[in-house]
C-alpha atoms as a PDB file:
ATOM      1  CA  MET A   1    -139.496 144.259  10.130  1.00  0.00           C
ATOM      2  CA  ASP A   2    -140.510 146.918  11.922  1.00  0.00           C
ATOM      3  CA  LEU A   3    -137.153 148.691  11.597  1.00  0.00           C
ATOM      4  CA  SER A   4    -139.162 151.234  13.812  1.00  0.00           C
ATOM      5  CA  LEU A   5    -139.291 148.617  17.094  1.00  0.00           C
ATOM      6  CA  VAL A   6    -135.533 148.768  17.042  1.00  0.00           C
ATOM      7  CA  GLN A   7    -134.235 150.784  20.384  1.00  0.00           C
ATOM      8  CA  PRO A   8    -130.628 150.779  19.736  1.00  0.00           C
ATOM      9  CA  ALA A   9    -128.224 152.784  22.134  1.00  0.00           C
ATOM     10  CA  LEU A  10    -128.031 156.680  21.617  1.00  0.00           C
ATOM     11  CA  PRO A  11    -125.871 159.244  20.102  1.00  0.00           C
ATOM     12  CA  ARG A  12    -125.177 156.912  17.501  1.00  0.00           C
ATOM     13  CA  VAL A  13    -124.374 157.245  13.366  1.00  0.00           C
ATOM     14  CA  ARG A  14    -127.908 157.626  11.370  1.00  0.00           C
ATOM     15  CA  GLN A  15    -126.862 158.594   8.338  1.00  0.00           C
ATOM     16  CA  VAL A  16    -123.518 159.521   6.321  1.00  0.00           C
ATOM     17  CA  VAL A  17    -123.375 162.110   3.370  1.00  0.00           C
ATOM     18  CA  VAL A  18    -120.529 162.071   0.472  1.00  0.00           C
ATOM     19  CA  ALA A  19    -120.699 165.169  -1.943  1.00  0.00           C
ATOM     20  CA  ALA A  20    -119.901 164.230  -6.040  1.00  0.00           C
ATOM     21  CA  ARG A  21    -119.599 166.972  -8.450  1.00  0.00           C
ATOM     22  CA  GLU A  22    -122.342 164.151 -10.864  1.00  0.00           C
ATOM     23  CA  LEU A  23    -124.896 162.255  -8.990  1.00  0.00           C
ATOM     24  CA  GLU A  24    -125.827 159.346 -11.044  1.00  0.00           C
ATOM     25  CA  PRO A  25    -122.234 157.272 -11.536  1.00  0.00           C
ATOM     26  CA  VAL A  26    -121.461 157.756  -7.767  1.00  0.00           C
ATOM     27  CA  ALA A  27    -125.086 156.595  -6.596  1.00  0.00           C
ATOM     28  CA  ALA A  28    -124.351 153.495  -8.999  1.00  0.00           C
ATOM     29  CA  ARG A  29    -121.354 152.089  -7.845  1.00  0.00           C
ATOM     30  CA  LEU A  30    -122.941 152.578  -3.990  1.00  0.00           C
ATOM     31  CA  ARG A  31    -125.955 150.622  -4.932  1.00  0.00           C
ATOM     32  CA  GLU A  32    -123.916 148.145  -7.367  1.00  0.00           C
ATOM     33  CA  THR A  33    -121.353 148.019  -4.647  1.00  0.00           C
ATOM     34  CA  LEU A  34    -123.266 147.645  -1.084  1.00  0.00           C
ATOM     35  CA  GLY A  35    -126.124 145.941  -2.783  1.00  0.00           C
ATOM     36  CA  LEU A  36    -128.765 148.915  -1.732  1.00  0.00           C
ATOM     37  CA  GLY A  37    -131.862 149.018  -2.633  1.00  0.00           C
ATOM     38  CA  GLU A  38    -133.619 152.111  -4.842  1.00  0.00           C
ATOM     39  CA  PRO A  39    -132.698 155.337  -3.739  1.00  0.00           C
ATOM     40  CA  PHE A  40    -134.533 158.099  -2.338  1.00  0.00           C
ATOM     41  CA  ALA A  41    -134.324 161.794  -4.066  1.00  0.00           C
ATOM     42  CA  ASP A  42    -135.609 164.453  -1.524  1.00  0.00           C
ATOM     43  CA  PRO A  43    -137.151 167.168  -3.193  1.00  0.00           C
ATOM     44  CA  GLY A  44    -136.040 169.636  -0.063  1.00  0.00           C
ATOM     45  CA  VAL A  45    -132.443 169.297  -0.500  1.00  0.00           C
ATOM     46  CA  ALA A  46    -132.963 171.781  -3.281  1.00  0.00           C
ATOM     47  CA  TYR A  47    -133.092 174.015  -0.635  1.00  0.00           C
ATOM     48  CA  PHE A  48    -129.248 174.159  -0.199  1.00  0.00           C
ATOM     49  CA  GLY A  49    -128.852 173.848  -4.093  1.00  0.00           C
ATOM     50  CA  LEU A  50    -128.643 170.219  -4.091  1.00  0.00           C
ATOM     51  CA  ARG A  51    -130.132 167.180  -5.760  1.00  0.00           C
ATOM     52  CA  ASN A  52    -129.541 163.587  -3.668  1.00  0.00           C
ATOM     53  CA  ALA A  53    -129.571 160.386  -3.412  1.00  0.00           C
ATOM     54  CA  VAL A  54    -130.854 157.940   0.153  1.00  0.00           C
ATOM     55  CA  TYR A  55    -130.296 155.055   0.128  1.00  0.00           C
ATOM     56  CA  ALA A  56    -131.203 152.540   3.456  1.00  0.00           C
ATOM     57  CA  LEU A  57    -128.932 150.199   4.800  1.00  0.00           C
ATOM     58  CA  GLY A  58    -131.050 148.922   8.263  1.00  0.00           C
ATOM     59  CA  ASP A  59    -132.534 151.541   9.323  1.00  0.00           C
ATOM     60  CA  THR A  60    -129.186 153.441   8.536  1.00  0.00           C
ATOM     61  CA  PHE A  61    -128.996 155.815   5.437  1.00  0.00           C
ATOM     62  CA  ILE A  62    -125.630 156.670   3.513  1.00  0.00           C
ATOM     63  CA  GLU A  63    -127.258 159.479   1.186  1.00  0.00           C
ATOM     64  CA  VAL A  64    -125.190 161.454  -1.958  1.00  0.00           C
ATOM     65  CA  VAL A  65    -125.212 165.155  -2.813  1.00  0.00           C
ATOM     66  CA  SER A  66    -124.555 166.816  -5.973  1.00  0.00           C
ATOM     67  CA  PRO A  67    -124.504 170.711  -6.942  1.00  0.00           C
ATOM     68  CA  VAL A  68    -127.324 172.477  -9.088  1.00  0.00           C
ATOM     69  CA  ALA A  69    -126.869 175.618  -8.357  1.00  0.00           C
ATOM     70  CA  ASP A  70    -123.704 178.074  -7.662  1.00  0.00           C
ATOM     71  CA  GLY A  71    -122.192 179.099  -4.539  1.00  0.00           C
ATOM     72  CA  THR A  72    -123.824 176.218  -2.293  1.00  0.00           C
ATOM     73  CA  ALA A  73    -121.657 174.888   0.721  1.00  0.00           C
ATOM     74  CA  ALA A  74    -120.768 171.483  -1.103  1.00  0.00           C
ATOM     75  CA  GLY A  75    -120.118 172.837  -4.403  1.00  0.00           C
ATOM     76  CA  ARG A  76    -117.848 175.299  -2.547  1.00  0.00           C
ATOM     77  CA  LEU A  77    -116.458 171.995  -0.723  1.00  0.00           C
ATOM     78  CA  LEU A  78    -115.764 169.595  -4.155  1.00  0.00           C
ATOM     79  CA  GLU A  79    -113.357 173.100  -5.271  1.00  0.00           C
ATOM     80  CA  ARG A  80    -111.366 173.156  -2.085  1.00  0.00           C
ATOM     81  CA  ARG A  81    -111.221 169.517  -2.256  1.00  0.00           C
ATOM     82  CA  GLY A  82    -110.384 169.040  -6.126  1.00  0.00           C
ATOM     83  CA  GLY A  83    -113.541 166.393  -6.663  1.00  0.00           C
ATOM     84  CA  ASP A  84    -115.374 164.036  -4.774  1.00  0.00           C
ATOM     85  CA  CYS A  85    -115.506 163.985  -0.986  1.00  0.00           C
ATOM     86  CA  GLY A  86    -117.290 163.159   2.319  1.00  0.00           C
ATOM     87  CA  TYR A  87    -119.308 165.987   3.572  1.00  0.00           C
ATOM     88  CA  MET A  88    -121.726 165.390   6.351  1.00  0.00           C
ATOM     89  CA  ILE A  89    -122.154 162.837   9.175  1.00  0.00           C
ATOM     90  CA  MET A  90    -125.773 162.604  11.127  1.00  0.00           C
ATOM     91  CA  PHE A  91    -126.145 161.516  14.578  1.00  0.00           C
ATOM     92  CA  GLN A  92    -129.365 160.656  16.353  1.00  0.00           C
ATOM     93  CA  VAL A  93    -129.927 161.747  19.964  1.00  0.00           C
ATOM     94  CA  ASP A  94    -131.854 161.466  22.564  1.00  0.00           C
ATOM     95  CA  ASP A  95    -132.072 165.549  24.131  1.00  0.00           C
ATOM     96  CA  LEU A  96    -131.563 167.691  21.111  1.00  0.00           C
ATOM     97  CA  ALA A  97    -131.964 170.988  23.282  1.00  0.00           C
ATOM     98  CA  ALA A  98    -129.874 169.515  26.159  1.00  0.00           C
ATOM     99  CA  ALA A  99    -127.002 168.869  22.511  1.00  0.00           C
ATOM    100  CA  ARG A 100    -127.778 172.613  21.362  1.00  0.00           C
ATOM    101  CA  ALA A 101    -126.951 173.828  24.643  1.00  0.00           C
ATOM    102  CA  ARG A 102    -124.062 171.633  24.835  1.00  0.00           C
ATOM    103  CA  ALA A 103    -122.966 173.033  21.086  1.00  0.00           C
ATOM    104  CA  GLY A 104    -123.652 176.662  22.507  1.00  0.00           C
ATOM    105  CA  ALA A 105    -121.266 176.236  25.428  1.00  0.00           C
ATOM    106  CA  ALA A 106    -118.518 174.866  23.842  1.00  0.00           C
ATOM    107  CA  GLY A 107    -118.556 178.136  21.214  1.00  0.00           C
ATOM    108  CA  VAL A 108    -120.377 175.269  18.077  1.00  0.00           C
ATOM    109  CA  ARG A 109    -122.172 177.691  16.242  1.00  0.00           C
ATOM    110  CA  GLU A 110    -125.325 176.657  14.540  1.00  0.00           C
ATOM    111  CA  VAL A 111    -125.822 176.427  10.380  1.00  0.00           C
ATOM    112  CA  PHE A 112    -129.501 175.047   9.898  1.00  0.00           C
ATOM    113  CA  GLU A 113    -132.211 174.550  12.197  1.00  0.00           C
ATOM    114  CA  VAL A 114    -135.589 172.355  11.769  1.00  0.00           C
ATOM    115  CA  ALA A 115    -138.300 171.382  13.869  1.00  0.00           C
ATOM    116  CA  LEU A 116    -141.060 169.856  12.212  1.00  0.00           C
ATOM    117  CA  GLU A 117    -143.542 166.722  13.705  1.00  0.00           C
ATOM    118  CA  ASP A 118    -141.499 164.381  13.008  1.00  0.00           C
ATOM    119  CA  ILE A 119    -137.741 165.484  13.740  1.00  0.00           C
ATOM    120  CA  GLY A 120    -135.856 168.319  15.180  1.00  0.00           C
ATOM    121  CA  GLU A 121    -132.141 168.801  13.925  1.00  0.00           C
ATOM    122  CA  VAL A 122    -129.658 170.854  13.648  1.00  0.00           C
ATOM    123  CA  HIS A 123    -126.535 171.265  11.281  1.00  0.00           C
ATOM    124  CA  LEU A 124    -123.194 172.710  13.555  1.00  0.00           C
ATOM    125  CA  HIS A 125    -120.394 174.584  11.514  1.00  0.00           C
ATOM    126  CA  PRO A 126    -117.643 172.241  10.317  1.00  0.00           C
ATOM    127  CA  ALA A 127    -114.892 175.540  10.973  1.00  0.00           C
ATOM    128  CA  ASP A 128    -116.037 175.154  14.705  1.00  0.00           C
ATOM    129  CA  MET A 129    -117.021 171.224  15.257  1.00  0.00           C
ATOM    130  CA  ARG A 130    -113.827 170.195  12.570  1.00  0.00           C
ATOM    131  CA  GLY A 131    -113.473 167.306   9.840  1.00  0.00           C
ATOM    132  CA  ALA A 132    -116.601 167.895   8.578  1.00  0.00           C
ATOM    133  CA  ILE A 133    -120.183 169.438   9.194  1.00  0.00           C
ATOM    134  CA  VAL A 134    -122.306 167.486  12.024  1.00  0.00           C
ATOM    135  CA  SER A 135    -126.154 167.053  12.023  1.00  0.00           C
ATOM    136  CA  LEU A 136    -127.808 166.532  15.383  1.00  0.00           C
ATOM    137  CA  SER A 137    -131.175 164.604  15.093  1.00  0.00           C
ATOM    138  CA  ALA A 138    -134.030 163.495  17.187  1.00  0.00           C
ATOM    139  CA  PRO A 139    -136.782 161.696  14.889  1.00  0.00           C
ATOM    140  CA  ARG A 140    -140.302 161.302  16.518  1.00  0.00           C
ATOM    141  CA  PRO A 141    -140.449 157.877  16.844  1.00  0.00           C
ATOM    142  CA  SER A 142    -137.300 156.956  17.826  1.00  0.00           C
ATOM    143  CA  GLY A 143    -137.030 154.815  15.444  1.00  0.00           C
ATOM    144  CA  GLY A 144    -138.448 156.846  12.134  1.00  0.00           C
ATOM    145  CA  TRP A 145    -136.015 158.881   9.799  1.00  0.00           C
ATOM    146  CA  ARG A 146    -137.880 161.455   7.929  1.00  0.00           C
ATOM    147  CA  TRP A 147    -134.749 162.074   5.357  1.00  0.00           C
ATOM    148  CA  GLY A 148    -134.953 158.419   4.003  1.00  0.00           C
ATOM    149  CA  GLY A 149    -138.173 159.102   2.560  1.00  0.00           C
ATOM    150  CA  PRO A 150    -142.143 158.085   3.041  1.00  0.00           C
ATOM    151  CA  ASP A 151    -141.581 154.109   2.681  1.00  0.00           C
ATOM    152  CA  TRP A 152    -137.590 153.356   3.112  1.00  0.00           C
ATOM    153  CA  GLU A 153    -139.404 150.538   5.350  1.00  0.00           C
ATOM    154  CA  ARG A 154    -139.669 148.895   2.303  1.00  0.00           C
ATOM    155  CA  ARG A 155    -136.020 150.070   0.408  1.00  0.00           C
ATOM    156  CA  THR A 156    -133.865 148.676   2.861  1.00  0.00           C
ATOM    157  CA  VAL A 157    -131.348 146.130   2.952  1.00  0.00           C
ATOM    158  CA  PRO A 158    -130.216 143.792   5.500  1.00  0.00           C
ATOM    159  CA  GLY A 159    -127.369 145.883   7.178  1.00  0.00           C
ATOM    160  CA  ARG A 160    -126.443 149.532   8.679  1.00  0.00           C
ATOM    161  CA  VAL A 161    -123.862 152.157   8.768  1.00  0.00           C
ATOM    162  CA  ALA A 162    -121.681 151.270  11.767  1.00  0.00           C
ATOM    163  CA  GLY A 163    -119.128 153.970  12.165  1.00  0.00           C
ATOM    164  CA  ALA A 164    -116.689 156.865  10.375  1.00  0.00           C
ATOM    165  CA  ALA A 165    -113.134 158.266  10.607  1.00  0.00           C
ATOM    166  CA  ILE A 166    -112.670 161.477  10.132  1.00  0.00           C
ATOM    167  CA  ALA A 167    -109.372 163.033   9.223  1.00  0.00           C
ATOM    168  CA  VAL A 168    -108.196 166.584  10.908  1.00  0.00           C
ATOM    169  CA  ARG A 169    -104.776 168.150  12.234  1.00  0.00           C
ATOM    170  CA  GLU A 170    -105.421 167.679  15.872  1.00  0.00           C
ATOM    171  CA  PRO A 171    -107.413 163.739  16.258  1.00  0.00           C
ATOM    172  CA  ASP A 172    -107.638 163.485  20.391  1.00  0.00           C
ATOM    173  CA  ALA A 173    -108.810 167.565  20.812  1.00  0.00           C
ATOM    174  CA  VAL A 174    -111.597 167.404  18.176  1.00  0.00           C
ATOM    175  CA  ALA A 175    -112.413 163.726  19.252  1.00  0.00           C
ATOM    176  CA  GLU A 176    -112.762 165.460  23.152  1.00  0.00           C
ATOM    177  CA  ARG A 177    -115.226 168.246  20.977  1.00  0.00           C
ATOM    178  CA  TRP A 178    -117.307 165.927  19.460  1.00  0.00           C
ATOM    179  CA  ARG A 179    -117.382 163.348  22.590  1.00  0.00           C
ATOM    180  CA  ARG A 180    -118.884 166.072  24.803  1.00  0.00           C
ATOM    181  CA  VAL A 181    -121.314 167.969  21.674  1.00  0.00           C
ATOM    182  CA  ILE A 182    -122.834 164.730  20.368  1.00  0.00           C
ATOM    183  CA  GLY A 183    -123.410 163.381  23.695  1.00  0.00           C
ATOM    184  CA  GLY A 184    -121.305 160.963  24.312  1.00  0.00           C
ATOM    185  CA  PRO A 185    -119.145 157.866  21.867  1.00  0.00           C
ATOM    186  CA  ALA A 186    -120.790 157.062  18.390  1.00  0.00           C
ATOM    187  CA  GLY A 187    -118.659 155.226  16.400  1.00  0.00           C
ATOM    188  CA  VAL A 188    -116.545 157.644  15.220  1.00  0.00           C
ATOM    189  CA  ARG A 189    -112.606 157.527  15.028  1.00  0.00           C
ATOM    190  CA  PHE A 190    -109.991 160.176  13.997  1.00  0.00           C
ATOM    191  CA  GLU A 191    -107.292 159.688  12.450  1.00  0.00           C
ATOM    192  CA  ARG A 192    -104.378 162.696  11.905  1.00  0.00           C
ATOM    193  CA  ASP A 193    -104.270 164.684   8.724  1.00  0.00           C
ATOM    194  CA  ASP A 194    -102.329 167.150   8.411  1.00  0.00           C
ATOM    195  CA  ALA A 195    -103.299 167.576   4.506  1.00  0.00           C
ATOM    196  CA  ASP A 196    -107.020 166.418   3.432  1.00  0.00           C
ATOM    197  CA  PRO A 197    -108.875 166.602   6.305  1.00  0.00           C
ATOM    198  CA  GLY A 198    -112.517 165.188   6.535  1.00  0.00           C
ATOM    199  CA  LEU A 199    -114.848 162.699   6.274  1.00  0.00           C
ATOM    200  CA  ALA A 200    -112.486 159.421   5.135  1.00  0.00           C
ATOM    201  CA  GLU A 201    -113.811 156.288   5.756  1.00  0.00           C
ATOM    202  CA  ILE A 202    -117.010 154.962   6.704  1.00  0.00           C
ATOM    203  CA  ALA A 203    -117.747 151.727   8.017  1.00  0.00           C
ATOM    204  CA  VAL A 204    -120.561 149.542   7.079  1.00  0.00           C
ATOM    205  CA  LEU A 205    -122.300 146.250   7.772  1.00  0.00           C
ATOM    206  CA  ALA A 206    -123.500 144.841   4.120  1.00  0.00           C
ATOM    207  CA  GLY A 207    -124.377 141.487   1.941  1.00  0.00           C
ATOM    208  CA  GLY A 208    -121.357 140.085   1.146  1.00  0.00           C
ATOM    209  CA  GLY A 209    -119.751 139.709   4.852  1.00  0.00           C
ATOM    210  CA  VAL A 210    -116.293 141.402   5.226  1.00  0.00           C
ATOM    211  CA  ARG A 211    -114.188 142.042   2.151  1.00  0.00           C
ATOM    212  CA  ASP A 212    -111.621 144.561   0.945  1.00  0.00           C
ATOM    213  CA  PRO A 213    -112.089 147.772   1.312  1.00  0.00           C
ATOM    214  CA  VAL A 214    -113.088 149.902  -2.233  1.00  0.00           C
ATOM    215  CA  GLU A 215    -113.445 153.854  -2.511  1.00  0.00           C
ATOM    216  CA  ILE A 216    -116.007 155.036  -3.679  1.00  0.00           C
ATOM    217  CA  ALA A 217    -116.648 159.397  -3.590  1.00  0.00           C
ATOM    218  CA  GLY A 218    -113.006 160.454  -2.584  1.00  0.00           C
ATOM    219  CA  VAL A 219    -113.869 157.953   0.238  1.00  0.00           C
ATOM    220  CA  ARG A 220    -112.636 154.380   1.996  1.00  0.00           C
ATOM    221  CA  PHE A 221    -116.105 152.303   2.701  1.00  0.00           C
ATOM    222  CA  VAL A 222    -114.704 149.320   5.391  1.00  0.00           C
ATOM    223  CA  PHE A 223    -116.980 146.318   4.950  1.00  0.00           C
ATOM    224  CA  ILE A 224    -117.318 144.802   8.494  1.00  0.00           C
ATOM    225  CA  ASP A 225    -118.987 141.850  10.239  1.00  0.00           C
ATOM    226  CA  ASP A 226    -119.200 143.242  13.440  1.00  0.00           C
ATOM    227  CA  GLU A 227    -119.129 146.872  15.371  1.00  0.00           C
ATOM    228  CA  PRO A 228    -116.441 149.438  14.430  1.00  0.00           C
ATOM    229  CA  ARG A 229    -112.506 148.708  15.372  1.00  0.00           C
ATOM    230  CA  SER A 230    -112.730 151.838  17.325  1.00  0.00           C
ATOM    231  CA  PRO A 231    -115.315 154.625  18.626  1.00  0.00           C
ATOM    232  CA  VAL A 232    -114.307 158.233  19.503  1.00  0.00           C
ATOM    233  CA  ARG A 233    -111.634 158.370  21.699  1.00  0.00           C
END
């Protein structure tokens, strides 16, 4: 199956990330629950003081990160949240320069930027976007995904990450901000939570069909047989 030939509508969720104090137990539970293949350990995340495991689900990805150094963004989040939690959501966009311009016009700061031969990407400040770190990525070719590893097409299993839910204090205002910056609906919905904001839910199409939700790394994983229940409002 040549996943590089698949051209879904953009923008869309391409990767979701959870943070864990201990990498292996969370990675193993994800693999067992979702029927995933071998993970990819990206040595590049050492730049952020992390180690990781990245699983391919269709041409989308689920990542677990765990701090291995002091003072990391993930480590600070784990302390604030009191344990494992949702961390980041990564969107593929068709025009990264235009998305960056929209973010700048909205007063959203960039906290990381990379321009490589096969992908350009920025990470946006969670205090400005609210709810989670947001990554905007433009892979080349469009079906590629550097962060999945050099052989992710051989390690993938049928399914995909279909969407996510973000818990925030002002869901309508934050939904409008995300829509404006990302460039349109992207399979994300927002739910109100005044006490515990963050990436709260990940919706997946995976082997075994629809079944009861499970909680892994402080995030609800819901299993669906079609599109996410609600897009960005």
